Amino acid sequence: MSSLLTATSVSYARDGNDILRDASLTIAPGELVGLIGPNGAGKSTLLKVVSGLWSGAQGDIRLLEKPLSRYSPREIARVIAQVPQITTLDFPFTVQQVVLMGRNPHLSRFQLETAQDRGIVERALERTQTGELAHRLIGTLSGGERQRVLLARALTQQPRLLLLDEPTANLDIQHQIAIFELVTGLICEDNLGAVAAIHDLELAARFCDRLVLLHQGTVLAQGAPADVLTAAHIRAAYGVEAQPYSDPITGHLRLSILGNGHLE
């Protein structure tokens, strides 16, 4: 199956500091790939570079098998939709207005939305279970509600690929699970590809098809969750001793954290 996105040997420096070094990433339709690693490992940077938000990277980045540099920002936005971390959204926009913004890549500068555009918005609200919030101001929503609205906005772009940067940061367990169940459902229904930067390793193991473990800007390991979340890899990346095991009830990969550094 052809890849939606392929990044090969990507390096990136900012203000004289190497943030990414020789990092590679591939995303195919129908899969969720998790970017994991400690703070400062380069997860968010990699997302910004492969989405074209940050230019100047070294290496080869291809979107739908065409060099990313040959796309305009509008063309990229028709393929890639981004779901950022929860941010303060206190502008006096309704949920419906925020979601409608996702149609911008498909409209010319002064073009008004059509009935078709409004239908796409309604469908996105329905799929993310945010229709009942449509007329509420975005600043009045809870964290979980806002993330579902941002997902709805992303869907109205009609993308092939979702990039999610810590989509469950600061959410409680119930909303974390709900967001990832929603994302995986959308991937399955629309045959999308998705890559998400995730801090919670057990959450990543539960929902992601593959994991990419970043450490100090390089890819330390990538593959199936069980192959990446090993005691040795966790020790090398996070500096803690951990014992991976299969939950006897759910079968999901779990981690027992034993302590900092090497055990005596």
C-alpha atoms as a PDB file:
ATOM      1  CA  MET A   1       0.000   0.000   0.000  1.00  0.00           C
ATOM      2  CA  SER A   2       1.339   3.423  -0.978  1.00  0.00           C
ATOM      3  CA  SER A   3       2.344   5.709   1.868  1.00  0.00           C
ATOM      4  CA  LEU A   4       0.532   8.941   2.514  1.00  0.00           C
ATOM      5  CA  LEU A   5       3.633  10.496   4.032  1.00  0.00           C
ATOM      6  CA  THR A   6       7.263   9.436   3.963  1.00  0.00           C
ATOM      7  CA  ALA A   7      10.007  11.328   5.775  1.00  0.00           C
ATOM      8  CA  THR A   8      13.508   9.974   5.281  1.00  0.00           C
ATOM      9  CA  SER A   9      16.651  11.044   7.167  1.00  0.00           C
ATOM     10  CA  VAL A  10      15.130  14.337   8.302  1.00  0.00           C
ATOM     11  CA  SER A  11      17.277  16.728  10.317  1.00  0.00           C
ATOM     12  CA  TYR A  12      16.255  20.113  11.642  1.00  0.00           C
ATOM     13  CA  ALA A  13      18.071  22.831  13.551  1.00  0.00           C
ATOM     14  CA  ARG A  14      16.585  25.898  15.212  1.00  0.00           C
ATOM     15  CA  ASP A  15      18.566  28.775  16.705  1.00  0.00           C
ATOM     16  CA  GLY A  16      21.735  26.776  16.191  1.00  0.00           C
ATOM     17  CA  ASN A  17      20.447  23.740  18.089  1.00  0.00           C
ATOM     18  CA  ASP A  18      19.930  20.352  16.438  1.00  0.00           C
ATOM     19  CA  ILE A  19      16.372  19.297  17.276  1.00  0.00           C
ATOM     20  CA  LEU A  20      16.001  16.416  14.828  1.00  0.00           C
ATOM     21  CA  ARG A  21      18.805  14.247  13.498  1.00  0.00           C
ATOM     22  CA  ASP A  22      18.313  11.692  10.741  1.00  0.00           C
ATOM     23  CA  ALA A  23      14.706  10.918  11.748  1.00  0.00           C
ATOM     24  CA  SER A  24      12.458   8.854   9.483  1.00  0.00           C
ATOM     25  CA  LEU A  25       8.703   8.326   9.516  1.00  0.00           C
ATOM     26  CA  THR A  26       6.173   6.604   7.246  1.00  0.00           C
ATOM     27  CA  ILE A  27       2.378   6.793   7.473  1.00  0.00           C
ATOM     28  CA  ALA A  28       0.038   4.572   5.453  1.00  0.00           C
ATOM     29  CA  PRO A  29      -3.746   4.728   5.073  1.00  0.00           C
ATOM     30  CA  GLY A  30      -5.694   3.009   7.822  1.00  0.00           C
ATOM     31  CA  GLU A  31      -3.080   3.246  10.564  1.00  0.00           C
ATOM     32  CA  LEU A  32      -2.391   5.324  13.645  1.00  0.00           C
ATOM     33  CA  VAL A  33       1.275   5.866  14.391  1.00  0.00           C
ATOM     34  CA  GLY A  34       2.275   7.169  17.803  1.00  0.00           C
ATOM     35  CA  LEU A  35       5.248   9.454  18.396  1.00  0.00           C
ATOM     36  CA  ILE A  36       6.537   8.846  21.899  1.00  0.00           C
ATOM     37  CA  GLY A  37       9.535  10.038  23.872  1.00  0.00           C
ATOM     38  CA  PRO A  38      10.411  12.317  26.779  1.00  0.00           C
ATOM     39  CA  ASN A  39       9.957  16.092  26.745  1.00  0.00           C
ATOM     40  CA  GLY A  40      12.280  17.689  24.228  1.00  0.00           C
ATOM     41  CA  ALA A  41      12.716  14.501  22.206  1.00  0.00           C
ATOM     42  CA  GLY A  42      11.486  16.187  19.017  1.00  0.00           C
ATOM     43  CA  LYS A  43       7.918  14.871  18.706  1.00  0.00           C
ATOM     44  CA  SER A  44       6.195  18.207  18.096  1.00  0.00           C
ATOM     45  CA  THR A  45       9.067  19.392  15.925  1.00  0.00           C
ATOM     46  CA  LEU A  46       8.760  16.358  13.667  1.00  0.00           C
ATOM     47  CA  LEU A  47       5.030  17.011  13.271  1.00  0.00           C
ATOM     48  CA  LYS A  48       5.637  20.655  12.366  1.00  0.00           C
ATOM     49  CA  VAL A  49       8.366  19.779   9.870  1.00  0.00           C
ATOM     50  CA  VAL A  50       6.455  17.046   8.018  1.00  0.00           C
ATOM     51  CA  SER A  51       3.359  19.259   7.847  1.00  0.00           C
ATOM     52  CA  GLY A  52       5.295  22.087   6.227  1.00  0.00           C
ATOM     53  CA  LEU A  53       4.736  24.510   9.114  1.00  0.00           C
ATOM     54  CA  TRP A  54       8.478  24.701   9.734  1.00  0.00           C
ATOM     55  CA  SER A  55      10.671  24.923   6.655  1.00  0.00           C
ATOM     56  CA  GLY A  56      14.406  24.454   6.318  1.00  0.00           C
ATOM     57  CA  ALA A  57      14.677  20.782   7.238  1.00  0.00           C
ATOM     58  CA  GLN A  58      17.269  18.552   5.631  1.00  0.00           C
ATOM     59  CA  GLY A  59      16.261  15.186   4.189  1.00  0.00           C
ATOM     60  CA  ASP A  60      13.444  13.941   1.999  1.00  0.00           C
ATOM     61  CA  ILE A  61       9.767  14.514   2.853  1.00  0.00           C
ATOM     62  CA  ARG A  62       7.127  13.230   0.448  1.00  0.00           C
ATOM     63  CA  LEU A  63       3.382  13.705   0.623  1.00  0.00           C
ATOM     64  CA  LEU A  64       1.415  11.334  -1.620  1.00  0.00           C
ATOM     65  CA  GLU A  65       4.786  10.419  -3.138  1.00  0.00           C
ATOM     66  CA  LYS A  66       5.472  14.032  -4.226  1.00  0.00           C
ATOM     67  CA  PRO A  67       8.112  16.227  -2.536  1.00  0.00           C
ATOM     68  CA  LEU A  68       6.507  18.364   0.160  1.00  0.00           C
ATOM     69  CA  SER A  69       8.394  21.404  -1.158  1.00  0.00           C
ATOM     70  CA  ARG A  70       6.332  21.262  -4.355  1.00  0.00           C
ATOM     71  CA  TYR A  71       3.064  21.848  -2.481  1.00  0.00           C
ATOM     72  CA  SER A  72       1.602  25.234  -1.583  1.00  0.00           C
ATOM     73  CA  PRO A  73       0.300  25.666   1.991  1.00  0.00           C
ATOM     74  CA  ARG A  74      -3.269  25.492   0.647  1.00  0.00           C
ATOM     75  CA  GLU A  75      -2.519  22.239  -1.192  1.00  0.00           C
ATOM     76  CA  ILE A  76      -0.985  20.730   1.950  1.00  0.00           C
ATOM     77  CA  ALA A  77      -4.071  21.707   3.947  1.00  0.00           C
ATOM     78  CA  ARG A  78      -6.227  19.751   1.516  1.00  0.00           C
ATOM     79  CA  VAL A  79      -4.308  16.596   2.405  1.00  0.00           C
ATOM     80  CA  ILE A  80      -3.134  17.150   5.988  1.00  0.00           C
ATOM     81  CA  ALA A  81      -5.321  18.317   8.861  1.00  0.00           C
ATOM     82  CA  GLN A  82      -3.808  19.180  12.206  1.00  0.00           C
ATOM     83  CA  VAL A  83      -5.294  18.809  15.661  1.00  0.00           C
ATOM     84  CA  PRO A  84      -3.191  20.854  18.096  1.00  0.00           C
ATOM     85  CA  GLN A  85      -2.849  20.560  21.838  1.00  0.00           C
ATOM     86  CA  ILE A  86      -5.690  22.093  23.796  1.00  0.00           C
ATOM     87  CA  THR A  87      -5.213  25.827  23.566  1.00  0.00           C
ATOM     88  CA  THR A  88      -7.105  28.832  24.836  1.00  0.00           C
ATOM     89  CA  LEU A  89      -9.841  29.631  22.337  1.00  0.00           C
ATOM     90  CA  ASP A  90     -11.530  32.682  23.763  1.00  0.00           C
ATOM     91  CA  PHE A  91     -12.489  34.380  20.515  1.00  0.00           C
ATOM     92  CA  PRO A  92     -16.251  34.974  20.309  1.00  0.00           C
ATOM     93  CA  PHE A  93     -16.811  32.248  17.703  1.00  0.00           C
ATOM     94  CA  THR A  94     -19.451  29.586  17.908  1.00  0.00           C
ATOM     95  CA  VAL A  95     -18.530  25.927  17.537  1.00  0.00           C
ATOM     96  CA  GLN A  96     -20.168  25.893  14.113  1.00  0.00           C
ATOM     97  CA  GLN A  97     -18.048  28.853  12.993  1.00  0.00           C
ATOM     98  CA  VAL A  98     -14.852  27.199  14.226  1.00  0.00           C
ATOM     99  CA  VAL A  99     -15.649  23.962  12.408  1.00  0.00           C
ATOM    100  CA  LEU A 100     -16.543  25.855   9.238  1.00  0.00           C
ATOM    101  CA  MET A 101     -12.991  27.288   9.236  1.00  0.00           C
ATOM    102  CA  GLY A 102     -11.844  23.848   8.158  1.00  0.00           C
ATOM    103  CA  ARG A 103     -13.320  24.537   4.711  1.00  0.00           C
ATOM    104  CA  ASN A 104     -10.881  27.422   4.083  1.00  0.00           C
ATOM    105  CA  PRO A 105      -8.402  25.332   2.030  1.00  0.00           C
ATOM    106  CA  HIS A 106     -11.211  24.509  -0.406  1.00  0.00           C
ATOM    107  CA  LEU A 107     -12.490  28.071  -0.821  1.00  0.00           C
ATOM    108  CA  SER A 108     -10.986  30.929  -2.779  1.00  0.00           C
ATOM    109  CA  ARG A 109     -10.063  34.106  -0.936  1.00  0.00           C
ATOM    110  CA  PHE A 110     -13.457  35.833  -1.130  1.00  0.00           C
ATOM    111  CA  GLN A 111     -15.649  32.814  -1.799  1.00  0.00           C
ATOM    112  CA  LEU A 112     -18.532  32.186   0.570  1.00  0.00           C
ATOM    113  CA  GLU A 113     -19.327  28.707   1.751  1.00  0.00           C
ATOM    114  CA  THR A 114     -21.890  26.758  -0.241  1.00  0.00           C
ATOM    115  CA  ALA A 115     -24.658  24.401   0.794  1.00  0.00           C
ATOM    116  CA  GLN A 116     -22.206  21.575   0.153  1.00  0.00           C
ATOM    117  CA  ASP A 117     -19.688  23.130   2.549  1.00  0.00           C
ATOM    118  CA  ARG A 118     -22.352  23.511   5.216  1.00  0.00           C
ATOM    119  CA  GLY A 119     -23.360  19.892   4.689  1.00  0.00           C
ATOM    120  CA  ILE A 120     -19.753  18.784   5.244  1.00  0.00           C
ATOM    121  CA  VAL A 121     -19.694  20.802   8.476  1.00  0.00           C
ATOM    122  CA  GLU A 122     -22.929  19.221   9.685  1.00  0.00           C
ATOM    123  CA  ARG A 123     -21.561  15.761   8.965  1.00  0.00           C
ATOM    124  CA  ALA A 124     -18.345  16.522  10.876  1.00  0.00           C
ATOM    125  CA  LEU A 125     -20.343  17.787  13.864  1.00  0.00           C
ATOM    126  CA  GLU A 126     -22.447  14.646  13.777  1.00  0.00           C
ATOM    127  CA  ARG A 127     -19.471  12.273  13.578  1.00  0.00           C
ATOM    128  CA  THR A 128     -17.691  13.935  16.500  1.00  0.00           C
ATOM    129  CA  GLN A 129     -20.884  14.182  18.559  1.00  0.00           C
ATOM    130  CA  THR A 130     -20.620  17.951  18.759  1.00  0.00           C
ATOM    131  CA  GLY A 131     -23.827  18.870  16.931  1.00  0.00           C
ATOM    132  CA  GLU A 132     -25.571  19.883  20.145  1.00  0.00           C
ATOM    133  CA  LEU A 133     -22.699  22.307  20.815  1.00  0.00           C
ATOM    134  CA  ALA A 134     -22.952  24.024  17.424  1.00  0.00           C
ATOM    135  CA  HIS A 135     -24.304  27.351  18.707  1.00  0.00           C
ATOM    136  CA  ARG A 136     -22.254  27.565  21.881  1.00  0.00           C
ATOM    137  CA  LEU A 137     -19.222  29.836  22.099  1.00  0.00           C
ATOM    138  CA  ILE A 138     -15.992  27.873  21.836  1.00  0.00           C
ATOM    139  CA  GLY A 139     -14.627  29.496  24.997  1.00  0.00           C
ATOM    140  CA  THR A 140     -17.402  27.973  27.113  1.00  0.00           C
ATOM    141  CA  LEU A 141     -16.548  24.345  26.339  1.00  0.00           C
ATOM    142  CA  SER A 142     -14.716  21.806  28.473  1.00  0.00           C
ATOM    143  CA  GLY A 143     -11.339  20.424  27.384  1.00  0.00           C
ATOM    144  CA  GLY A 144     -12.815  17.224  26.011  1.00  0.00           C
ATOM    145  CA  GLU A 145     -15.500  19.101  24.106  1.00  0.00           C
ATOM    146  CA  ARG A 146     -12.926  21.431  22.572  1.00  0.00           C
ATOM    147  CA  GLN A 147     -10.817  18.530  21.333  1.00  0.00           C
ATOM    148  CA  ARG A 148     -13.826  16.972  19.648  1.00  0.00           C
ATOM    149  CA  VAL A 149     -14.567  20.331  18.023  1.00  0.00           C
ATOM    150  CA  LEU A 150     -10.973  20.579  16.765  1.00  0.00           C
ATOM    151  CA  LEU A 151     -11.347  17.079  15.327  1.00  0.00           C
ATOM    152  CA  ALA A 152     -14.553  18.169  13.621  1.00  0.00           C
ATOM    153  CA  ARG A 153     -12.737  21.168  12.138  1.00  0.00           C
ATOM    154  CA  ALA A 154     -10.009  18.845  10.872  1.00  0.00           C
ATOM    155  CA  LEU A 155     -12.562  16.540   9.255  1.00  0.00           C
ATOM    156  CA  THR A 156     -14.149  19.396   7.317  1.00  0.00           C
ATOM    157  CA  GLN A 157     -10.830  19.764   5.486  1.00  0.00           C
ATOM    158  CA  GLN A 158     -11.557  16.295   4.036  1.00  0.00           C
ATOM    159  CA  PRO A 159      -7.950  15.266   4.673  1.00  0.00           C
ATOM    160  CA  ARG A 160      -6.096  12.067   3.901  1.00  0.00           C
ATOM    161  CA  LEU A 161      -3.850  12.445   6.934  1.00  0.00           C
ATOM    162  CA  LEU A 162      -4.384  13.652  10.519  1.00  0.00           C
ATOM    163  CA  LEU A 163      -1.534  15.050  12.606  1.00  0.00           C
ATOM    164  CA  LEU A 164      -2.347  15.215  16.311  1.00  0.00           C
ATOM    165  CA  ASP A 165      -0.058  16.937  18.791  1.00  0.00           C
ATOM    166  CA  GLU A 166      -0.803  15.690  22.313  1.00  0.00           C
ATOM    167  CA  PRO A 167      -4.550  15.517  21.592  1.00  0.00           C
ATOM    168  CA  THR A 168      -5.364  14.272  25.100  1.00  0.00           C
ATOM    169  CA  ALA A 169      -3.075  16.554  27.109  1.00  0.00           C
ATOM    170  CA  ASN A 170      -4.744  17.707  30.326  1.00  0.00           C
ATOM    171  CA  LEU A 171      -7.803  15.505  29.769  1.00  0.00           C
ATOM    172  CA  ASP A 172      -9.078  13.002  32.314  1.00  0.00           C
ATOM    173  CA  ILE A 173      -8.950   9.262  31.604  1.00  0.00           C
ATOM    174  CA  GLN A 174     -12.515   9.077  30.329  1.00  0.00           C
ATOM    175  CA  HIS A 175     -11.944  11.805  27.753  1.00  0.00           C
ATOM    176  CA  GLN A 176      -8.525  10.450  26.774  1.00  0.00           C
ATOM    177  CA  ILE A 177     -10.061   7.113  25.852  1.00  0.00           C
ATOM    178  CA  ALA A 178     -13.029   8.783  24.145  1.00  0.00           C
ATOM    179  CA  ILE A 179     -10.773  10.926  21.938  1.00  0.00           C
ATOM    180  CA  PHE A 180      -8.646   7.985  20.804  1.00  0.00           C
ATOM    181  CA  GLU A 181     -11.675   5.794  20.207  1.00  0.00           C
ATOM    182  CA  LEU A 182     -13.068   8.587  18.046  1.00  0.00           C
ATOM    183  CA  VAL A 183      -9.790   8.979  16.142  1.00  0.00           C
ATOM    184  CA  THR A 184      -9.355   5.253  15.493  1.00  0.00           C
ATOM    185  CA  GLY A 185     -12.975   5.014  14.366  1.00  0.00           C
ATOM    186  CA  LEU A 186     -12.477   7.847  11.871  1.00  0.00           C
ATOM    187  CA  ILE A 187      -9.289   6.238  10.571  1.00  0.00           C
ATOM    188  CA  CYS A 188     -11.130   2.983   9.981  1.00  0.00           C
ATOM    189  CA  GLU A 189     -14.213   4.545   8.389  1.00  0.00           C
ATOM    190  CA  ASP A 190     -12.375   6.937   6.051  1.00  0.00           C
ATOM    191  CA  ASN A 191      -9.149   4.945   5.567  1.00  0.00           C
ATOM    192  CA  LEU A 192      -7.193   7.929   6.859  1.00  0.00           C
ATOM    193  CA  GLY A 193      -3.653   7.836   8.121  1.00  0.00           C
ATOM    194  CA  ALA A 194      -2.811   9.504  11.417  1.00  0.00           C
ATOM    195  CA  VAL A 195       0.213  10.259  13.536  1.00  0.00           C
ATOM    196  CA  ALA A 196      -0.091  11.452  17.113  1.00  0.00           C
ATOM    197  CA  ALA A 197       2.451  12.719  19.607  1.00  0.00           C
ATOM    198  CA  ILE A 198       1.527  10.985  22.871  1.00  0.00           C
ATOM    199  CA  HIS A 199       3.007  11.176  26.360  1.00  0.00           C
ATOM    200  CA  ASP A 200       1.031   8.341  27.934  1.00  0.00           C
ATOM    201  CA  LEU A 201       2.849   5.156  26.907  1.00  0.00           C
ATOM    202  CA  GLU A 202       0.061   2.773  27.885  1.00  0.00           C
ATOM    203  CA  LEU A 203      -2.454   4.839  25.934  1.00  0.00           C
ATOM    204  CA  ALA A 204      -0.119   4.787  22.934  1.00  0.00           C
ATOM    205  CA  ALA A 205       0.325   1.027  23.175  1.00  0.00           C
ATOM    206  CA  ARG A 206      -3.417   0.470  23.406  1.00  0.00           C
ATOM    207  CA  PHE A 207      -4.501   2.503  20.398  1.00  0.00           C
ATOM    208  CA  CYS A 208      -1.536   2.797  18.009  1.00  0.00           C
ATOM    209  CA  ASP A 209      -0.660   0.322  15.284  1.00  0.00           C
ATOM    210  CA  ARG A 210       2.993   1.367  15.368  1.00  0.00           C
ATOM    211  CA  LEU A 211       5.158   3.477  17.649  1.00  0.00           C
ATOM    212  CA  VAL A 212       8.147   5.691  16.880  1.00  0.00           C
ATOM    213  CA  LEU A 213      10.306   6.317  19.952  1.00  0.00           C
ATOM    214  CA  LEU A 214      12.288   9.547  19.765  1.00  0.00           C
ATOM    215  CA  HIS A 215      15.210  10.363  22.032  1.00  0.00           C
ATOM    216  CA  GLN A 216      17.260  13.559  21.754  1.00  0.00           C
ATOM    217  CA  GLY A 217      15.986  14.160  18.240  1.00  0.00           C
ATOM    218  CA  THR A 218      16.744  10.721  16.838  1.00  0.00           C
ATOM    219  CA  VAL A 219      14.616   7.628  16.330  1.00  0.00           C
ATOM    220  CA  LEU A 220      15.632   5.138  18.985  1.00  0.00           C
ATOM    221  CA  ALA A 221      13.149   2.445  17.928  1.00  0.00           C
ATOM    222  CA  GLN A 222      10.052   1.977  15.825  1.00  0.00           C
ATOM    223  CA  GLY A 223       7.648  -0.859  15.152  1.00  0.00           C
ATOM    224  CA  ALA A 224       4.819  -2.656  16.918  1.00  0.00           C
ATOM    225  CA  PRO A 225       4.134  -1.369  20.461  1.00  0.00           C
ATOM    226  CA  ALA A 226       5.454  -4.542  22.102  1.00  0.00           C
ATOM    227  CA  ASP A 227       8.694  -4.275  20.116  1.00  0.00           C
ATOM    228  CA  VAL A 228       9.244  -0.614  20.983  1.00  0.00           C
ATOM    229  CA  LEU A 229       8.158  -0.528  24.639  1.00  0.00           C
ATOM    230  CA  THR A 230      10.826  -2.832  25.957  1.00  0.00           C
ATOM    231  CA  ALA A 231      12.654  -2.429  29.260  1.00  0.00           C
ATOM    232  CA  ALA A 232      15.870  -1.542  27.422  1.00  0.00           C
ATOM    233  CA  HIS A 233      14.256   1.099  25.205  1.00  0.00           C
ATOM    234  CA  ILE A 234      12.404   2.704  28.114  1.00  0.00           C
ATOM    235  CA  ARG A 235      15.605   2.804  30.153  1.00  0.00           C
ATOM    236  CA  ALA A 236      17.539   4.411  27.291  1.00  0.00           C
ATOM    237  CA  ALA A 237      14.900   7.045  26.457  1.00  0.00           C
ATOM    238  CA  TYR A 238      13.355   7.855  29.834  1.00  0.00           C
ATOM    239  CA  GLY A 239      16.038   6.850  32.324  1.00  0.00           C
ATOM    240  CA  VAL A 240      13.696   4.638  34.331  1.00  0.00           C
ATOM    241  CA  GLU A 241      13.438   0.925  34.964  1.00  0.00           C
ATOM    242  CA  ALA A 242      10.151  -0.551  33.748  1.00  0.00           C
ATOM    243  CA  GLN A 243       8.694  -3.995  33.244  1.00  0.00           C
ATOM    244  CA  PRO A 244       6.260  -4.355  30.318  1.00  0.00           C
ATOM    245  CA  TYR A 245       3.534  -6.962  30.698  1.00  0.00           C
ATOM    246  CA  SER A 246       0.248  -7.993  29.153  1.00  0.00           C
ATOM    247  CA  ASP A 247      -2.800  -7.057  31.190  1.00  0.00           C
ATOM    248  CA  PRO A 248      -4.454 -10.358  32.170  1.00  0.00           C
ATOM    249  CA  ILE A 249      -7.948  -8.917  31.729  1.00  0.00           C
ATOM    250  CA  THR A 250      -7.706  -6.753  28.603  1.00  0.00           C
ATOM    251  CA  GLY A 251      -4.579  -8.123  26.946  1.00  0.00           C
ATOM    252  CA  HIS A 252      -3.298  -4.559  26.499  1.00  0.00           C
ATOM    253  CA  LEU A 253       0.376  -3.815  27.052  1.00  0.00           C
ATOM    254  CA  ARG A 254       0.969  -2.292  30.464  1.00  0.00           C
ATOM    255  CA  LEU A 255       4.076  -0.949  32.185  1.00  0.00           C
ATOM    256  CA  SER A 256       5.166  -1.409  35.749  1.00  0.00           C
ATOM    257  CA  ILE A 257       7.570   1.407  36.630  1.00  0.00           C
ATOM    258  CA  LEU A 258      10.158   0.080  39.037  1.00  0.00           C
ATOM    259  CA  GLY A 259      12.247   3.163  39.705  1.00  0.00           C
ATOM    260  CA  ASN A 260      14.665   5.760  38.375  1.00  0.00           C
ATOM    261  CA  GLY A 261      17.939   4.765  36.790  1.00  0.00           C
ATOM    262  CA  HIS A 262      19.497   1.360  37.041  1.00  0.00           C
ATOM    263  CA  LEU A 263      18.429  -0.950  39.792  1.00  0.00           C
ATOM    264  CA  GLU A 264      21.128  -2.021  42.223  1.00  0.00           C
END
